[in-house]
Amino acid sequence: LPRISNIILTICLIPLSVLIILDWKLRPKSQKQGFKNILQNIFQWPLMPLATLVLSVLPGLHSHTRLLFGRQLEYKTTAKKATN
């Protein structure tokens, strides 16, 4: 299993590298200049998995944990007004 996951993750580096290069090439010149912008671009890609975890995995984990402990899921709807 470690060898297979190593191969899969290595293969995934190729599209990630392409995405990083395309992102850099398609940015306007104003975002490519300056130390602050370059530093921000360097840190944005390694932080992407953490952002994905926080924004997509944790809400699902929260709802499954609520169900595990017997608490109900609540859906709150808002009243809508018809516009003419």
PDB file of N, CA and C in Angstrom:
ATOM      1  N   LEU A   1       0.814  -1.208   0.000  1.00  0.00           N
ATOM      2  CA  LEU A   1       0.000   0.000   0.000  1.00  0.00           C
ATOM      3  C   LEU A   1       0.852   1.265   0.000  1.00  0.00           C
ATOM      4  N   PRO A   2       1.930   1.347   0.794  1.00  0.00           N
ATOM      5  CA  PRO A   2       2.735   2.572   0.736  1.00  0.00           C
ATOM      6  C   PRO A   2       3.342   2.812  -0.653  1.00  0.00           C
ATOM      7  N   ARG A   3       3.726   1.747  -1.323  1.00  0.00           N
ATOM      8  CA  ARG A   3       4.322   1.910  -2.654  1.00  0.00           C
ATOM      9  C   ARG A   3       3.282   2.415  -3.657  1.00  0.00           C
ATOM     10  N   ILE A   4       2.060   1.891  -3.563  1.00  0.00           N
ATOM     11  CA  ILE A   4       0.997   2.312  -4.479  1.00  0.00           C
ATOM     12  C   ILE A   4       0.616   3.767  -4.222  1.00  0.00           C
ATOM     13  N   SER A   5       0.464   4.132  -2.949  1.00  0.00           N
ATOM     14  CA  SER A   5       0.118   5.519  -2.648  1.00  0.00           C
ATOM     15  C   SER A   5       1.249   6.463  -3.045  1.00  0.00           C
ATOM     16  N   ASN A   6       2.489   6.016  -2.931  1.00  0.00           N
ATOM     17  CA  ASN A   6       3.619   6.827  -3.363  1.00  0.00           C
ATOM     18  C   ASN A   6       3.554   7.081  -4.864  1.00  0.00           C
ATOM     19  N   ILE A   7       3.228   6.058  -5.626  1.00  0.00           N
ATOM     20  CA  ILE A   7       3.120   6.206  -7.079  1.00  0.00           C
ATOM     21  C   ILE A   7       1.970   7.146  -7.443  1.00  0.00           C
ATOM     22  N   ILE A   8       0.830   6.979  -6.779  1.00  0.00           N
ATOM     23  CA  ILE A   8      -0.335   7.823  -7.067  1.00  0.00           C
ATOM     24  C   ILE A   8      -0.033   9.283  -6.748  1.00  0.00           C
ATOM     25  N   LEU A   9       0.578   9.538  -5.601  1.00  0.00           N
ATOM     26  CA  LEU A   9       0.893  10.916  -5.230  1.00  0.00           C
ATOM     27  C   LEU A   9       1.944  11.523  -6.149  1.00  0.00           C
ATOM     28  N   THR A  10       2.887  10.721  -6.594  1.00  0.00           N
ATOM     29  CA  THR A  10       3.886  11.220  -7.536  1.00  0.00           C
ATOM     30  C   THR A  10       3.244  11.580  -8.868  1.00  0.00           C
ATOM     31  N   ILE A  11       2.315  10.767  -9.325  1.00  0.00           N
ATOM     32  CA  ILE A  11       1.604  11.068 -10.571  1.00  0.00           C
ATOM     33  C   ILE A  11       0.769  12.337 -10.413  1.00  0.00           C
ATOM     34  N   CYS A  12       0.211  12.560  -9.233  1.00  0.00           N
ATOM     35  CA  CYS A  12      -0.606  13.753  -8.985  1.00  0.00           C
ATOM     36  C   CYS A  12       0.225  15.032  -8.980  1.00  0.00           C
ATOM     37  N   LEU A  13       1.521  14.920  -8.804  1.00  0.00           N
ATOM     38  CA  LEU A  13       2.369  16.108  -8.832  1.00  0.00           C
ATOM     39  C   LEU A  13       2.444  16.727 -10.224  1.00  0.00           C
ATOM     40  N   ILE A  14       2.268  15.920 -11.256  1.00  0.00           N
ATOM     41  CA  ILE A  14       2.345  16.438 -12.626  1.00  0.00           C
ATOM     42  C   ILE A  14       1.216  17.434 -12.902  1.00  0.00           C
ATOM     43  N   PRO A  15      -0.065  17.089 -12.672  1.00  0.00           N
ATOM     44  CA  PRO A  15      -1.116  18.089 -12.893  1.00  0.00           C
ATOM     45  C   PRO A  15      -0.999  19.284 -11.952  1.00  0.00           C
ATOM     46  N   LEU A  16      -0.534  19.048 -10.723  1.00  0.00           N
ATOM     47  CA  LEU A  16      -0.356  20.160  -9.794  1.00  0.00           C
ATOM     48  C   LEU A  16       0.688  21.131 -10.319  1.00  0.00           C
ATOM     49  N   SER A  17       1.774  20.606 -10.856  1.00  0.00           N
ATOM     50  CA  SER A  17       2.808  21.466 -11.433  1.00  0.00           C
ATOM     51  C   SER A  17       2.267  22.250 -12.621  1.00  0.00           C
ATOM     52  N   VAL A  18       1.463  21.596 -13.442  1.00  0.00           N
ATOM     53  CA  VAL A  18       0.855  22.283 -14.583  1.00  0.00           C
ATOM     54  C   VAL A  18      -0.069  23.395 -14.098  1.00  0.00           C
ATOM     55  N   LEU A  19      -0.853  23.135 -13.060  1.00  0.00           N
ATOM     56  CA  LEU A  19      -1.744  24.162 -12.511  1.00  0.00           C
ATOM     57  C   LEU A  19      -0.971  25.356 -11.972  1.00  0.00           C
ATOM     58  N   ILE A  20       0.121  25.104 -11.284  1.00  0.00           N
ATOM     59  CA  ILE A  20       0.924  26.194 -10.732  1.00  0.00           C
ATOM     60  C   ILE A  20       1.515  27.035 -11.858  1.00  0.00           C
ATOM     61  N   ILE A  21       2.031  26.386 -12.886  1.00  0.00           N
ATOM     62  CA  ILE A  21       2.618  27.120 -14.013  1.00  0.00           C
ATOM     63  C   ILE A  21       1.550  27.924 -14.752  1.00  0.00           C
ATOM     64  N   LEU A  22       0.386  27.314 -15.003  1.00  0.00           N
ATOM     65  CA  LEU A  22      -0.697  28.039 -15.672  1.00  0.00           C
ATOM     66  C   LEU A  22      -1.187  29.213 -14.835  1.00  0.00           C
ATOM     67  N   ASP A  23      -1.292  29.016 -13.543  1.00  0.00           N
ATOM     68  CA  ASP A  23      -1.716  30.098 -12.663  1.00  0.00           C
ATOM     69  C   ASP A  23      -0.736  31.263 -12.747  1.00  0.00           C
ATOM     70  N   TRP A  24       0.537  30.957 -12.756  1.00  0.00           N
ATOM     71  CA  TRP A  24       1.560  32.008 -12.807  1.00  0.00           C
ATOM     72  C   TRP A  24       1.545  32.716 -14.161  1.00  0.00           C
ATOM     73  N   LYS A  25       1.369  31.963 -15.240  1.00  0.00           N
ATOM     74  CA  LYS A  25       1.385  32.553 -16.587  1.00  0.00           C
ATOM     75  C   LYS A  25       0.143  33.408 -16.854  1.00  0.00           C
ATOM     76  N   LEU A  26      -1.014  33.019 -16.300  1.00  0.00           N
ATOM     77  CA  LEU A  26      -2.263  33.719 -16.591  1.00  0.00           C
ATOM     78  C   LEU A  26      -2.528  34.913 -15.680  1.00  0.00           C
ATOM     79  N   ARG A  27      -1.710  35.103 -14.669  1.00  0.00           N
ATOM     80  CA  ARG A  27      -1.901  36.248 -13.775  1.00  0.00           C
ATOM     81  C   ARG A  27      -1.507  37.552 -14.469  1.00  0.00           C
ATOM     82  N   PRO A  28      -2.175  38.655 -14.109  1.00  0.00           N
ATOM     83  CA  PRO A  28      -1.752  39.952 -14.642  1.00  0.00           C
ATOM     84  C   PRO A  28      -0.369  40.329 -14.099  1.00  0.00           C
ATOM     85  N   LYS A  29       0.308  41.220 -14.811  1.00  0.00           N
ATOM     86  CA  LYS A  29       1.660  41.603 -14.397  1.00  0.00           C
ATOM     87  C   LYS A  29       1.675  42.233 -13.012  1.00  0.00           C
ATOM     88  N   SER A  30       0.597  42.920 -12.654  1.00  0.00           N
ATOM     89  CA  SER A  30       0.565  43.573 -11.340  1.00  0.00           C
ATOM     90  C   SER A  30       0.631  42.561 -10.199  1.00  0.00           C
ATOM     91  N   GLN A  31       0.152  41.343 -10.417  1.00  0.00           N
ATOM     92  CA  GLN A  31       0.199  40.319  -9.375  1.00  0.00           C
ATOM     93  C   GLN A  31       1.493  39.527  -9.396  1.00  0.00           C
ATOM     94  N   LYS A  32       2.307  39.704 -10.417  1.00  0.00           N
ATOM     95  CA  LYS A  32       3.577  38.994 -10.501  1.00  0.00           C
ATOM     96  C   LYS A  32       4.730  39.816  -9.943  1.00  0.00           C
ATOM     97  N   GLN A  33       4.507  41.091  -9.722  1.00  0.00           N
ATOM     98  CA  GLN A  33       5.580  41.971  -9.291  1.00  0.00           C
ATOM     99  C   GLN A  33       5.453  42.261  -7.808  1.00  0.00           C
ATOM    100  N   GLY A  34       6.577  42.513  -7.192  1.00  0.00           N
ATOM    101  CA  GLY A  34       6.603  42.849  -5.781  1.00  0.00           C
ATOM    102  C   GLY A  34       6.859  41.633  -4.914  1.00  0.00           C
ATOM    103  N   PHE A  35       7.638  41.858  -3.881  1.00  0.00           N
ATOM    104  CA  PHE A  35       8.019  40.768  -2.978  1.00  0.00           C
ATOM    105  C   PHE A  35       6.806  40.178  -2.275  1.00  0.00           C
ATOM    106  N   LYS A  36       5.875  41.041  -1.872  1.00  0.00           N
ATOM    107  CA  LYS A  36       4.683  40.576  -1.156  1.00  0.00           C
ATOM    108  C   LYS A  36       3.838  39.643  -2.030  1.00  0.00           C
ATOM    109  N   ASN A  37       3.630  40.003  -3.278  1.00  0.00           N
ATOM    110  CA  ASN A  37       2.820  39.171  -4.178  1.00  0.00           C
ATOM    111  C   ASN A  37       3.497  37.845  -4.484  1.00  0.00           C
ATOM    112  N   ILE A  38       4.807  37.872  -4.697  1.00  0.00           N
ATOM    113  CA  ILE A  38       5.534  36.631  -4.981  1.00  0.00           C
ATOM    114  C   ILE A  38       5.492  35.711  -3.772  1.00  0.00           C
ATOM    115  N   LEU A  39       5.685  36.271  -2.576  1.00  0.00           N
ATOM    116  CA  LEU A  39       5.635  35.475  -1.349  1.00  0.00           C
ATOM    117  C   LEU A  39       4.240  34.881  -1.141  1.00  0.00           C
ATOM    118  N   GLN A  40       3.228  35.675  -1.413  1.00  0.00           N
ATOM    119  CA  GLN A  40       1.850  35.184  -1.289  1.00  0.00           C
ATOM    120  C   GLN A  40       1.591  34.036  -2.262  1.00  0.00           C
ATOM    121  N   ASN A  41       2.082  34.146  -3.480  1.00  0.00           N
ATOM    122  CA  ASN A  41       1.896  33.081  -4.470  1.00  0.00           C
ATOM    123  C   ASN A  41       2.625  31.813  -4.071  1.00  0.00           C
ATOM    124  N   ILE A  42       3.787  31.944  -3.452  1.00  0.00           N
ATOM    125  CA  ILE A  42       4.546  30.768  -3.026  1.00  0.00           C
ATOM    126  C   ILE A  42       3.817  30.035  -1.902  1.00  0.00           C
ATOM    127  N   PHE A  43       3.225  30.774  -0.960  1.00  0.00           N
ATOM    128  CA  PHE A  43       2.564  30.145   0.189  1.00  0.00           C
ATOM    129  C   PHE A  43       1.150  29.663  -0.113  1.00  0.00           C
ATOM    130  N   GLN A  44       0.551  30.165  -1.177  1.00  0.00           N
ATOM    131  CA  GLN A  44      -0.842  29.797  -1.442  1.00  0.00           C
ATOM    132  C   GLN A  44      -0.976  28.333  -1.836  1.00  0.00           C
ATOM    133  N   TRP A  45      -0.047  27.781  -2.575  1.00  0.00           N
ATOM    134  CA  TRP A  45      -0.192  26.406  -3.056  1.00  0.00           C
ATOM    135  C   TRP A  45      -0.006  25.364  -1.970  1.00  0.00           C
ATOM    136  N   PRO A  46       0.995  25.476  -1.080  1.00  0.00           N
ATOM    137  CA  PRO A  46       1.074  24.472  -0.003  1.00  0.00           C
ATOM    138  C   PRO A  46      -0.084  24.564   0.991  1.00  0.00           C
ATOM    139  N   LEU A  47      -0.706  25.743   1.103  1.00  0.00           N
ATOM    140  CA  LEU A  47      -1.826  25.895   2.030  1.00  0.00           C
ATOM    141  C   LEU A  47      -3.156  25.437   1.436  1.00  0.00           C
ATOM    142  N   MET A  48      -3.169  25.106   0.159  1.00  0.00           N
ATOM    143  CA  MET A  48      -4.403  24.669  -0.498  1.00  0.00           C
ATOM    144  C   MET A  48      -5.015  23.421   0.139  1.00  0.00           C
ATOM    145  N   PRO A  49      -4.243  22.377   0.496  1.00  0.00           N
ATOM    146  CA  PRO A  49      -4.869  21.217   1.149  1.00  0.00           C
ATOM    147  C   PRO A  49      -5.502  21.559   2.495  1.00  0.00           C
ATOM    148  N   LEU A  50      -4.888  22.464   3.248  1.00  0.00           N
ATOM    149  CA  LEU A  50      -5.457  22.873   4.527  1.00  0.00           C
ATOM    150  C   LEU A  50      -6.773  23.615   4.318  1.00  0.00           C
ATOM    151  N   ALA A  51      -6.815  24.490   3.336  1.00  0.00           N
ATOM    152  CA  ALA A  51      -8.054  25.207   3.035  1.00  0.00           C
ATOM    153  C   ALA A  51      -9.141  24.238   2.576  1.00  0.00           C
ATOM    154  N   THR A  52      -8.762  23.248   1.792  1.00  0.00           N
ATOM    155  CA  THR A  52      -9.720  22.235   1.351  1.00  0.00           C
ATOM    156  C   THR A  52     -10.269  21.458   2.536  1.00  0.00           C
ATOM    157  N   LEU A  53      -9.402  21.108   3.469  1.00  0.00           N
ATOM    158  CA  LEU A  53      -9.835  20.390   4.663  1.00  0.00           C
ATOM    159  C   LEU A  53     -10.838  21.214   5.450  1.00  0.00           C
ATOM    160  N   VAL A  54     -10.512  22.455   5.691  1.00  0.00           N
ATOM    161  CA  VAL A  54     -11.365  23.296   6.528  1.00  0.00           C
ATOM    162  C   VAL A  54     -12.705  23.573   5.849  1.00  0.00           C
ATOM    163  N   LEU A  55     -12.680  23.867   4.562  1.00  0.00           N
ATOM    164  CA  LEU A  55     -13.901  24.303   3.891  1.00  0.00           C
ATOM    165  C   LEU A  55     -14.790  23.179   3.373  1.00  0.00           C
ATOM    166  N   SER A  56     -14.266  21.970   3.236  1.00  0.00           N
ATOM    167  CA  SER A  56     -15.113  20.910   2.691  1.00  0.00           C
ATOM    168  C   SER A  56     -15.239  19.696   3.597  1.00  0.00           C
ATOM    169  N   VAL A  57     -14.185  19.283   4.251  1.00  0.00           N
ATOM    170  CA  VAL A  57     -14.225  18.054   5.037  1.00  0.00           C
ATOM    171  C   VAL A  57     -14.822  18.285   6.422  1.00  0.00           C
ATOM    172  N   LEU A  58     -14.457  19.364   7.073  1.00  0.00           N
ATOM    173  CA  LEU A  58     -14.913  19.569   8.446  1.00  0.00           C
ATOM    174  C   LEU A  58     -16.427  19.741   8.586  1.00  0.00           C
ATOM    175  N   PRO A  59     -17.138  20.432   7.680  1.00  0.00           N
ATOM    176  CA  PRO A  59     -18.604  20.459   7.811  1.00  0.00           C
ATOM    177  C   PRO A  59     -19.239  19.069   7.714  1.00  0.00           C
ATOM    178  N   GLY A  60     -18.727  18.225   6.841  1.00  0.00           N
ATOM    179  CA  GLY A  60     -19.241  16.854   6.749  1.00  0.00           C
ATOM    180  C   GLY A  60     -18.940  16.057   8.001  1.00  0.00           C
ATOM    181  N   LEU A  61     -17.742  16.228   8.530  1.00  0.00           N
ATOM    182  CA  LEU A  61     -17.369  15.552   9.771  1.00  0.00           C
ATOM    183  C   LEU A  61     -18.259  16.007  10.923  1.00  0.00           C
ATOM    184  N   HIS A  62     -18.571  17.294  10.954  1.00  0.00           N
ATOM    185  CA  HIS A  62     -19.448  17.829  11.999  1.00  0.00           C
ATOM    186  C   HIS A  62     -20.839  17.204  11.919  1.00  0.00           C
ATOM    187  N   SER A  63     -21.390  17.110  10.716  1.00  0.00           N
ATOM    188  CA  SER A  63     -22.741  16.547  10.593  1.00  0.00           C
ATOM    189  C   SER A  63     -22.759  15.054  10.919  1.00  0.00           C
ATOM    190  N   HIS A  64     -21.740  14.326  10.519  1.00  0.00           N
ATOM    191  CA  HIS A  64     -21.689  12.900  10.848  1.00  0.00           C
ATOM    192  C   HIS A  64     -21.510  12.682  12.350  1.00  0.00           C
ATOM    193  N   THR A  65     -20.739  13.542  12.991  1.00  0.00           N
ATOM    194  CA  THR A  65     -20.554  13.429  14.440  1.00  0.00           C
ATOM    195  C   THR A  65     -21.860  13.716  15.168  1.00  0.00           C
ATOM    196  N   ARG A  66     -22.616  14.703  14.684  1.00  0.00           N
ATOM    197  CA  ARG A  66     -23.924  14.984  15.294  1.00  0.00           C
ATOM    198  C   ARG A  66     -24.838  13.767  15.187  1.00  0.00           C
ATOM    199  N   LEU A  67     -24.858  13.127  14.024  1.00  0.00           N
ATOM    200  CA  LEU A  67     -25.697  11.942  13.848  1.00  0.00           C
ATOM    201  C   LEU A  67     -25.210  10.782  14.709  1.00  0.00           C
ATOM    202  N   LEU A  68     -23.897  10.665  14.871  1.00  0.00           N
ATOM    203  CA  LEU A  68     -23.322   9.591  15.675  1.00  0.00           C
ATOM    204  C   LEU A  68     -23.776   9.687  17.125  1.00  0.00           C
ATOM    205  N   PHE A  69     -23.861  10.905  17.643  1.00  0.00           N
ATOM    206  CA  PHE A  69     -24.265  11.097  19.032  1.00  0.00           C
ATOM    207  C   PHE A  69     -25.770  11.274  19.196  1.00  0.00           C
ATOM    208  N   GLY A  70     -26.542  11.025  18.134  1.00  0.00           N
ATOM    209  CA  GLY A  70     -27.997  11.030  18.231  1.00  0.00           C
ATOM    210  C   GLY A  70     -28.633  12.398  18.163  1.00  0.00           C
ATOM    211  N   ARG A  71     -27.897  13.411  17.783  1.00  0.00           N
ATOM    212  CA  ARG A  71     -28.486  14.743  17.648  1.00  0.00           C
ATOM    213  C   ARG A  71     -29.033  14.905  16.235  1.00  0.00           C
ATOM    214  N   GLN A  72     -30.101  15.643  16.123  1.00  0.00           N
ATOM    215  CA  GLN A  72     -30.744  15.842  14.827  1.00  0.00           C
ATOM    216  C   GLN A  72     -30.004  16.908  14.011  1.00  0.00           C
ATOM    217  N   LEU A  73     -30.055  16.734  12.709  1.00  0.00           N
ATOM    218  CA  LEU A  73     -29.569  17.783  11.819  1.00  0.00           C
ATOM    219  C   LEU A  73     -30.696  18.779  11.619  1.00  0.00           C
ATOM    220  N   GLU A  74     -30.366  20.050  11.660  1.00  0.00           N
ATOM    221  CA  GLU A  74     -31.377  21.091  11.512  1.00  0.00           C
ATOM    222  C   GLU A  74     -31.170  21.810  10.192  1.00  0.00           C
ATOM    223  N   TYR A  75     -32.259  21.981   9.484  1.00  0.00           N
ATOM    224  CA  TYR A  75     -32.223  22.743   8.246  1.00  0.00           C
ATOM    225  C   TYR A  75     -33.057  23.991   8.462  1.00  0.00           C
ATOM    226  N   LYS A  76     -32.431  25.133   8.366  1.00  0.00           N
ATOM    227  CA  LYS A  76     -33.130  26.395   8.575  1.00  0.00           C
ATOM    228  C   LYS A  76     -33.399  27.033   7.218  1.00  0.00           C
ATOM    229  N   THR A  77     -34.664  27.273   6.947  1.00  0.00           N
ATOM    230  CA  THR A  77     -35.028  27.905   5.682  1.00  0.00           C
ATOM    231  C   THR A  77     -35.395  29.353   5.939  1.00  0.00           C
ATOM    232  N   THR A  78     -35.227  30.167   4.940  1.00  0.00           N
ATOM    233  CA  THR A  78     -35.578  31.577   5.058  1.00  0.00           C
ATOM    234  C   THR A  78     -36.818  31.845   4.227  1.00  0.00           C
ATOM    235  N   ALA A  79     -37.593  32.809   4.672  1.00  0.00           N
ATOM    236  CA  ALA A  79     -38.801  33.183   3.943  1.00  0.00           C
ATOM    237  C   ALA A  79     -38.405  33.959   2.691  1.00  0.00           C
ATOM    238  N   LYS A  80     -39.026  33.615   1.587  1.00  0.00           N
ATOM    239  CA  LYS A  80     -38.733  34.278   0.320  1.00  0.00           C
ATOM    240  C   LYS A  80     -39.900  35.175  -0.056  1.00  0.00           C
ATOM    241  N   LYS A  81     -39.556  36.320  -0.634  1.00  0.00           N
ATOM    242  CA  LYS A  81     -40.584  37.233  -1.114  1.00  0.00           C
ATOM    243  C   LYS A  81     -40.598  37.198  -2.632  1.00  0.00           C
ATOM    244  N   ALA A  82     -41.803  37.232  -3.181  1.00  0.00           N
ATOM    245  CA  ALA A  82     -41.934  37.260  -4.633  1.00  0.00           C
ATOM    246  C   ALA A  82     -41.672  38.676  -5.130  1.00  0.00           C
ATOM    247  N   THR A  83     -40.887  38.787  -6.191  1.00  0.00           N
ATOM    248  CA  THR A  83     -40.624  40.103  -6.782  1.00  0.00           C
ATOM    249  C   THR A  83     -41.339  40.191  -8.119  1.00  0.00           C
ATOM    250  N   ASN A  84     -41.839  41.377  -8.404  1.00  0.00           N
ATOM    251  CA  ASN A  84     -42.565  41.589  -9.670  1.00  0.00           C
ATOM    252  C   ASN A  84     -41.703  42.338 -10.636  1.00  0.00           C
TER     253      ASN A  84
END
